[in-house]
C-alpha atoms as a PDB file:
ATOM      1  CA  MET A   1       0.258   0.915 -12.360  1.00  0.00           C
ATOM      2  CA  ASN A   2       1.582  -2.810 -13.570  1.00  0.00           C
ATOM      3  CA  GLU A   3       1.289  -5.922 -11.633  1.00  0.00           C
ATOM      4  CA  ILE A   4       4.386  -6.148 -10.192  1.00  0.00           C
ATOM      5  CA  PHE A   5       3.646  -2.945  -8.078  1.00  0.00           C
ATOM      6  CA  ARG A   6       0.054  -4.205  -7.355  1.00  0.00           C
ATOM      7  CA  ARG A   7       1.705  -7.606  -6.058  1.00  0.00           C
ATOM      8  CA  TRP A   8       4.318  -5.450  -4.135  1.00  0.00           C
ATOM      9  CA  ILE A   9       1.397  -3.462  -2.303  1.00  0.00           C
ATOM     10  CA  LYS A  10      -0.512  -6.401  -1.148  1.00  0.00           C
ATOM     11  CA  GLU A  11       2.350  -8.086   0.187  1.00  0.00           C
ATOM     12  CA  VAL A  12       3.342  -4.763   2.342  1.00  0.00           C
ATOM     13  CA  VAL A  13      -0.395  -4.468   3.483  1.00  0.00           C
ATOM     14  CA  GLU A  14      -0.036  -8.189   4.725  1.00  0.00           C
ATOM     15  CA  THR A  15       2.632  -6.943   7.161  1.00  0.00           C
ATOM     16  CA  MET A  16       1.319  -3.521   8.302  1.00  0.00           C
ATOM     17  CA  ASN A  17      -0.080  -3.619  11.714  1.00  0.00           C
ATOM     18  CA  GLY A  18      -2.560  -0.501  12.946  1.00  0.00           C
ATOM     19  CA  GLU A  19      -3.224   2.248  10.832  1.00  0.00           C
ATOM     20  CA  PHE A  20      -0.936   3.427   8.008  1.00  0.00           C
ATOM     21  CA  THR A  21      -0.826   5.750   4.663  1.00  0.00           C
ATOM     22  CA  SER A  22       0.258   5.316   1.203  1.00  0.00           C
ATOM     23  CA  SER A  23       3.294   6.846   2.146  1.00  0.00           C
ATOM     24  CA  GLN A  24       4.456   4.585   4.752  1.00  0.00           C
ATOM     25  CA  ILE A  25       3.580   1.815   2.218  1.00  0.00           C
ATOM     26  CA  LEU A  26       5.826   3.522  -0.725  1.00  0.00           C
ATOM     27  CA  ASP A  27       8.754   3.871   1.879  1.00  0.00           C
ATOM     28  CA  LYS A  28       8.377   0.006   2.891  1.00  0.00           C
ATOM     29  CA  ILE A  29       8.427  -0.726  -0.813  1.00  0.00           C
ATOM     30  CA  ILE A  30      11.433   1.329  -1.949  1.00  0.00           C
ATOM     31  CA  TYR A  31      13.469   0.254   1.230  1.00  0.00           C
ATOM     32  CA  LYS A  32      12.515  -3.636   0.225  1.00  0.00           C
ATOM     33  CA  LYS A  33      12.746  -3.242  -3.510  1.00  0.00           C
ATOM     34  CA  GLY A  34      15.031  -0.365  -3.880  1.00  0.00           C
ATOM     35  CA  ASN A  35      13.820   2.401  -6.677  1.00  0.00           C
ATOM     36  CA  THR A  36      13.031   0.783  -9.657  1.00  0.00           C
ATOM     37  CA  ALA A  37      10.901   1.549 -12.850  1.00  0.00           C
ATOM     38  CA  SER A  38       8.098  -0.696 -11.413  1.00  0.00           C
ATOM     39  CA  ILE A  39       7.590   1.575  -8.664  1.00  0.00           C
ATOM     40  CA  GLY A  40       4.690   3.858  -8.617  1.00  0.00           C
ATOM     41  CA  THR A  41       3.407   7.269  -6.437  1.00  0.00           C
ATOM     42  CA  ALA A  42       1.722   7.248  -3.048  1.00  0.00           C
ATOM     43  CA  SER A  43      -1.440   8.304  -4.698  1.00  0.00           C
ATOM     44  CA  ALA A  44      -1.557   5.149  -6.993  1.00  0.00           C
ATOM     45  CA  ILE A  45      -1.116   2.831  -3.983  1.00  0.00           C
ATOM     46  CA  GLY A  46      -3.961   4.778  -2.389  1.00  0.00           C
ATOM     47  CA  TRP A  47      -6.042   4.489  -5.063  1.00  0.00           C
ATOM     48  CA  LEU A  48      -5.687   0.602  -4.704  1.00  0.00           C
ATOM     49  CA  LEU A  49      -6.109   0.524  -0.959  1.00  0.00           C
ATOM     50  CA  ASN A  50      -9.160   2.106  -1.453  1.00  0.00           C
ATOM     51  CA  ARG A  51     -10.323  -1.410  -3.594  1.00  0.00           C
ATOM     52  CA  LEU A  52      -8.535  -3.862  -1.717  1.00  0.00           C
ATOM     53  CA  PRO A  53     -11.429  -6.072  -0.010  1.00  0.00           C
ATOM     54  CA  ASN A  54      -8.861  -6.128   3.403  1.00  0.00           C
ATOM     55  CA  VAL A  55      -8.255  -2.748   3.772  1.00  0.00           C
ATOM     56  CA  GLU A  56     -10.436  -0.149   4.972  1.00  0.00           C
ATOM     57  CA  LYS A  57     -10.268   3.468   5.087  1.00  0.00           C
ATOM     58  CA  VAL A  58     -10.034   5.600   8.344  1.00  0.00           C
ATOM     59  CA  LYS A  59      -9.819   8.949   7.600  1.00  0.00           C
ATOM     60  CA  ASN A  60      -8.525  10.691   4.335  1.00  0.00           C
ATOM     61  CA  GLY A  61      -5.406   9.218   3.472  1.00  0.00           C
ATOM     62  CA  VAL A  62      -5.075   6.733   6.815  1.00  0.00           C
ATOM     63  CA  TYR A  63      -5.787   3.388   6.285  1.00  0.00           C
ATOM     64  CA  ARG A  64      -6.075  -0.152   8.305  1.00  0.00           C
ATOM     65  CA  ARG A  65      -6.577  -3.787   7.503  1.00  0.00           C
ATOM     66  CA  LYS A  66      -9.797  -4.740   8.175  1.00  0.00           C
ATOM     67  CA  GLN A  67     -10.088  -7.703  11.326  1.00  0.00           C
ATOM     68  CA  GLU A  68     -10.772 -10.938  10.334  1.00  0.00           C
END
């Protein structure tokens, strides 16, 4: 996963409300940026979501932003 894709994931996570999946993040990135060589997979997004401090895992494959 490259830094461009990581940045795009972080940008989209900030716009998400409620619960979301990595596939929804991928769909929003493709809609916004198009299908470029920098686009990764939904599993790569899930890997990063598990490591972001502002995201918590609700259940298998479902995430939400932490309340501040």
